[in-house]
Amino acid sequence: PHQQPALSLDEATRRFKSEARSLSAVMSAGEADAATFGAALLETLGSWEQRISTDPEDECGCSRAFRAFLQSQALNILLESLVPLTNGRAACLDASVALAAMADQSDKNKHDEGEEQQEPQSSR
């Protein structure tokens, strides 16, 4: 298995910015309905989260990917394109509902696992 060399800070910054601009352009051009854009938004955000969370931290506790993400202003690029548009607001709502549902399911799974390990509480 051949690993790709790590991107430099500048390359990683350009990549985040490019991805944000591409997604923003699709939304601004009205090329995608809210559900399609919401799915693309979730995929992009998931990709960013994966890159940031798996990149090793430096001595200051910050990864190169996270520094690149901040420098790229990728989140600002996306938010600026989403807020004024009806489809953007709908896509954000769809994405937030989907994320909340995933979090609820994850919490439910953790809660169910916890109940199996706990003894039943006595009633008064």
Protein backbone atom coordinates (compact mmCIF):
# COMPACT_ATOMS: atom_id res chain seq x y z
CA PRO A 1 0.00 0.00 0.00
CA HIS A 2 1.55 3.23 -1.21
CA GLN A 3 0.73 6.31 0.85
CA GLN A 4 0.54 9.69 -0.81
CA PRO A 5 2.91 12.29 0.57
CA ALA A 6 1.31 14.79 2.94
CA LEU A 7 0.20 18.03 1.34
CA SER A 8 2.06 21.19 2.21
CA LEU A 9 0.12 23.81 4.15
CA ASP A 10 -0.33 25.89 0.98
CA GLU A 11 -1.53 22.89 -1.04
CA ALA A 12 -3.96 21.83 1.68
CA THR A 13 -5.25 25.40 1.98
CA ARG A 14 -5.83 25.60 -1.79
CA ARG A 15 -7.64 22.25 -1.73
CA PHE A 16 -10.09 23.33 1.01
CA LYS A 17 -10.69 26.65 -0.75
CA SER A 18 -11.20 25.00 -4.13
CA GLU A 19 -13.70 22.49 -2.73
CA ALA A 20 -15.64 25.26 -0.99
CA ARG A 21 -15.73 27.40 -4.12
CA SER A 22 -16.87 24.47 -6.28
CA LEU A 23 -19.73 23.67 -3.94
CA SER A 24 -20.59 27.35 -3.62
CA ALA A 25 -20.62 27.79 -7.41
CA VAL A 26 -23.04 24.88 -7.86
CA MET A 27 -25.39 26.42 -5.30
CA SER A 28 -25.10 29.95 -6.67
CA ALA A 29 -25.81 28.78 -10.22
CA GLY A 30 -28.95 27.03 -9.03
CA GLU A 31 -27.75 23.77 -10.58
CA ALA A 32 -28.87 21.63 -7.64
CA ASP A 33 -32.07 21.30 -5.67
CA ALA A 34 -31.90 21.54 -1.87
CA ALA A 35 -31.78 17.78 -1.31
CA THR A 36 -29.01 17.22 -3.87
CA PHE A 37 -27.01 20.15 -2.58
CA GLY A 38 -27.61 19.05 1.03
CA ALA A 39 -26.18 15.63 0.21
CA ALA A 40 -23.15 17.20 -1.50
CA LEU A 41 -22.70 19.54 1.46
CA LEU A 42 -22.77 16.63 3.91
CA GLU A 43 -20.27 14.72 1.79
CA THR A 44 -17.90 17.70 1.63
CA LEU A 45 -18.18 18.46 5.34
CA GLY A 46 -17.60 14.78 6.11
CA SER A 47 -14.52 14.76 3.91
CA TRP A 48 -13.18 17.86 5.65
CA GLU A 49 -13.85 16.39 9.08
CA GLN A 50 -12.07 13.18 8.09
CA ARG A 51 -9.02 15.06 6.81
CA ILE A 52 -8.82 17.29 9.88
CA SER A 53 -9.43 14.53 12.44
CA THR A 54 -6.89 12.09 10.97
CA ASP A 55 -4.04 14.57 10.45
CA PRO A 56 -1.52 14.40 13.32
CA GLU A 57 -1.27 17.40 15.63
CA ASP A 58 1.95 19.37 15.93
CA GLU A 59 3.65 20.42 19.17
CA CYS A 60 1.06 23.20 19.57
CA GLY A 61 -1.83 20.74 19.37
CA CYS A 62 -3.02 21.83 15.92
CA SER A 63 -2.90 19.73 12.77
CA ARG A 64 -1.69 21.03 9.41
CA ALA A 65 -5.10 20.17 7.95
CA PHE A 66 -6.88 22.28 10.57
CA ARG A 67 -4.52 25.22 9.98
CA ALA A 68 -5.15 24.90 6.23
CA PHE A 69 -8.91 24.74 6.81
CA LEU A 70 -8.82 27.94 8.86
CA GLN A 71 -6.54 29.75 6.39
CA SER A 72 -8.67 28.72 3.43
CA GLN A 73 -11.79 30.42 4.82
CA ALA A 74 -13.66 27.43 3.32
CA LEU A 75 -16.46 27.55 5.86
CA ASN A 76 -16.96 31.27 5.31
CA ILE A 77 -17.06 30.75 1.54
CA LEU A 78 -19.81 28.17 1.96
CA LEU A 79 -21.80 30.16 4.48
CA GLU A 80 -21.70 33.33 2.39
CA SER A 81 -23.11 31.42 -0.56
CA LEU A 82 -25.78 29.64 1.48
CA VAL A 83 -27.32 32.33 3.66
CA PRO A 84 -28.93 34.59 1.04
CA LEU A 85 -30.42 31.75 -1.00
CA THR A 86 -33.69 29.99 -0.28
CA ASN A 87 -32.22 26.70 -1.52
CA GLY A 88 -29.17 27.34 0.66
CA ARG A 89 -31.27 27.77 3.76
CA ALA A 90 -33.26 24.65 2.85
CA ALA A 91 -30.05 22.70 2.24
CA CYS A 92 -28.66 23.83 5.60
CA LEU A 93 -31.90 22.79 7.27
CA ASP A 94 -31.87 19.41 5.50
CA ALA A 95 -28.24 18.88 6.44
CA SER A 96 -28.81 19.90 10.06
CA VAL A 97 -31.83 17.58 10.34
CA ALA A 98 -29.77 14.72 8.89
CA LEU A 99 -26.87 15.44 11.26
CA ALA A 100 -29.24 15.69 14.24
CA ALA A 101 -30.82 12.36 13.28
CA MET A 102 -27.39 10.73 13.04
CA ALA A 103 -26.39 12.20 16.42
CA ASP A 104 -29.69 11.07 17.99
CA GLN A 105 -29.17 7.55 16.65
CA SER A 106 -25.60 7.52 17.94
CA ASP A 107 -26.77 8.76 21.37
CA LYS A 108 -29.56 6.16 21.39
CA ASN A 109 -27.07 3.41 20.58
CA LYS A 110 -24.76 4.59 23.37
CA HIS A 111 -27.71 4.86 25.77
CA ASP A 112 -28.94 1.37 24.87
CA GLU A 113 -25.46 -0.04 25.44
CA GLY A 114 -25.28 1.77 28.80
CA GLU A 115 -28.64 0.37 29.94
CA GLU A 116 -27.44 -3.16 29.28
CA GLN A 117 -24.52 -2.57 31.64
CA GLN A 118 -26.46 -0.82 34.43
CA GLU A 119 -28.61 -2.49 37.05
CA PRO A 120 -32.27 -1.51 37.14
CA GLN A 121 -32.93 1.31 39.59
CA SER A 122 -35.22 0.54 42.51
CA SER A 123 -38.52 2.37 42.75
CA ARG A 124 -39.73 4.07 45.89
